[in-house]
Amino acid sequence: MEELLELLSEVKEDVDFENEDALIDDGILNSFDILQIISALNEEYDISIPASEIIPENFNSAQALLEMVERLQED
């Protein structure tokens, strides 16, 4: 989780990713932020995030992102 939090803070410094759980619902992340996060996750974790996984539920919190990454690493 620490590695993911560091990656997220590099994308958007002013967000408390550790405690925030409505990143999309509250408008904290915009579409450009999401694209940057997807790119960073693809590179860092050597995964490919399919369009079907790009849904608000997977990007609302660091925990949700981590669960998505772990799920994609298993496939």
C-alpha atoms as a PDB file:
ATOM      1  CA  MET A   1       0.000   0.000   0.000  1.00  0.00           C
ATOM      2  CA  GLU A   2       2.851   2.416   0.800  1.00  0.00           C
ATOM      3  CA  GLU A   3       4.215   2.053  -2.725  1.00  0.00           C
ATOM      4  CA  LEU A   4       0.785   2.804  -4.181  1.00  0.00           C
ATOM      5  CA  LEU A   5       0.280   5.833  -1.925  1.00  0.00           C
ATOM      6  CA  GLU A   6       3.652   7.206  -3.015  1.00  0.00           C
ATOM      7  CA  LEU A   7       2.764   6.710  -6.670  1.00  0.00           C
ATOM      8  CA  LEU A   8      -0.601   8.435  -6.185  1.00  0.00           C
ATOM      9  CA  SER A   9       0.960  11.396  -4.384  1.00  0.00           C
ATOM     10  CA  GLU A  10       3.339  11.856  -7.317  1.00  0.00           C
ATOM     11  CA  VAL A  11       0.330  12.150  -9.622  1.00  0.00           C
ATOM     12  CA  LYS A  12      -1.605  14.558  -7.371  1.00  0.00           C
ATOM     13  CA  GLU A  13       0.307  15.924  -4.389  1.00  0.00           C
ATOM     14  CA  ASP A  14      -2.462  17.790  -2.576  1.00  0.00           C
ATOM     15  CA  VAL A  15      -4.762  14.791  -1.977  1.00  0.00           C
ATOM     16  CA  ASP A  16      -4.851  12.691   1.193  1.00  0.00           C
ATOM     17  CA  PHE A  17      -5.049   9.351  -0.601  1.00  0.00           C
ATOM     18  CA  GLU A  18      -4.587   7.439   2.643  1.00  0.00           C
ATOM     19  CA  ASN A  19      -7.853   8.683   4.165  1.00  0.00           C
ATOM     20  CA  GLU A  20      -9.997   9.805   1.232  1.00  0.00           C
ATOM     21  CA  ASP A  21     -12.646   7.316   0.113  1.00  0.00           C
ATOM     22  CA  ALA A  22     -14.678   9.305  -2.412  1.00  0.00           C
ATOM     23  CA  LEU A  23     -12.034  10.538  -4.845  1.00  0.00           C
ATOM     24  CA  ILE A  24     -14.357  10.312  -7.835  1.00  0.00           C
ATOM     25  CA  ASP A  25     -17.695  10.900  -6.112  1.00  0.00           C
ATOM     26  CA  ASP A  26     -16.445  14.125  -4.501  1.00  0.00           C
ATOM     27  CA  GLY A  27     -14.766  15.365  -7.696  1.00  0.00           C
ATOM     28  CA  ILE A  28     -11.273  15.243  -6.186  1.00  0.00           C
ATOM     29  CA  LEU A  29      -9.923  13.410  -9.230  1.00  0.00           C
ATOM     30  CA  ASN A  30     -10.779  14.491 -12.757  1.00  0.00           C
ATOM     31  CA  SER A  31     -10.472  12.523 -15.975  1.00  0.00           C
ATOM     32  CA  PHE A  32      -6.917  13.752 -16.608  1.00  0.00           C
ATOM     33  CA  ASP A  33      -5.882  12.611 -13.111  1.00  0.00           C
ATOM     34  CA  ILE A  34      -7.401   9.196 -13.780  1.00  0.00           C
ATOM     35  CA  LEU A  35      -5.480   8.851 -17.044  1.00  0.00           C
ATOM     36  CA  GLN A  36      -2.256   9.738 -15.233  1.00  0.00           C
ATOM     37  CA  ILE A  37      -3.000   7.183 -12.511  1.00  0.00           C
ATOM     38  CA  ILE A  38      -3.767   4.492 -15.090  1.00  0.00           C
ATOM     39  CA  SER A  39      -0.509   5.195 -16.892  1.00  0.00           C
ATOM     40  CA  ALA A  40       1.486   5.143 -13.650  1.00  0.00           C
ATOM     41  CA  LEU A  41      -0.161   1.895 -12.494  1.00  0.00           C
ATOM     42  CA  ASN A  42       0.445   0.230 -15.863  1.00  0.00           C
ATOM     43  CA  GLU A  43       4.113   1.159 -15.718  1.00  0.00           C
ATOM     44  CA  GLU A  44       4.774   0.520 -12.019  1.00  0.00           C
ATOM     45  CA  TYR A  45       2.916  -2.775 -11.694  1.00  0.00           C
ATOM     46  CA  ASP A  46       3.352  -4.060 -15.262  1.00  0.00           C
ATOM     47  CA  ILE A  47      -0.390  -4.468 -15.751  1.00  0.00           C
ATOM     48  CA  SER A  48      -2.863  -3.425 -18.403  1.00  0.00           C
ATOM     49  CA  ILE A  49      -6.063  -1.870 -17.113  1.00  0.00           C
ATOM     50  CA  PRO A  50      -8.931  -2.738 -19.472  1.00  0.00           C
ATOM     51  CA  ALA A  51     -11.720  -0.249 -20.141  1.00  0.00           C
ATOM     52  CA  SER A  52     -14.121  -2.453 -18.180  1.00  0.00           C
ATOM     53  CA  GLU A  53     -12.103  -1.739 -14.997  1.00  0.00           C
ATOM     54  CA  ILE A  54     -12.163   2.043 -15.460  1.00  0.00           C
ATOM     55  CA  ILE A  55     -15.197   2.639 -13.284  1.00  0.00           C
ATOM     56  CA  PRO A  56     -15.657   5.037 -10.343  1.00  0.00           C
ATOM     57  CA  GLU A  57     -15.742   2.222  -7.788  1.00  0.00           C
ATOM     58  CA  ASN A  58     -12.155   1.243  -8.672  1.00  0.00           C
ATOM     59  CA  PHE A  59     -10.830   4.804  -8.363  1.00  0.00           C
ATOM     60  CA  ASN A  60     -12.694   6.149  -5.308  1.00  0.00           C
ATOM     61  CA  SER A  61      -9.939   5.210  -2.847  1.00  0.00           C
ATOM     62  CA  ALA A  62      -6.395   3.940  -2.627  1.00  0.00           C
ATOM     63  CA  GLN A  63      -7.765   0.690  -1.182  1.00  0.00           C
ATOM     64  CA  ALA A  64     -10.043   0.201  -4.199  1.00  0.00           C
ATOM     65  CA  LEU A  65      -7.116   0.901  -6.523  1.00  0.00           C
ATOM     66  CA  LEU A  66      -4.938  -1.593  -4.676  1.00  0.00           C
ATOM     67  CA  GLU A  67      -7.636  -4.268  -4.912  1.00  0.00           C
ATOM     68  CA  MET A  68      -7.956  -3.648  -8.660  1.00  0.00           C
ATOM     69  CA  VAL A  69      -4.173  -3.864  -9.152  1.00  0.00           C
ATOM     70  CA  GLU A  70      -3.978  -7.113  -7.177  1.00  0.00           C
ATOM     71  CA  ARG A  71      -6.888  -8.563  -9.147  1.00  0.00           C
ATOM     72  CA  LEU A  72      -5.244  -7.652 -12.466  1.00  0.00           C
ATOM     73  CA  GLN A  73      -1.891  -9.056 -11.372  1.00  0.00           C
ATOM     74  CA  GLU A  74      -3.559 -12.420 -10.744  1.00  0.00           C
ATOM     75  CA  ASP A  75      -4.974 -12.592 -14.285  1.00  0.00           C
END
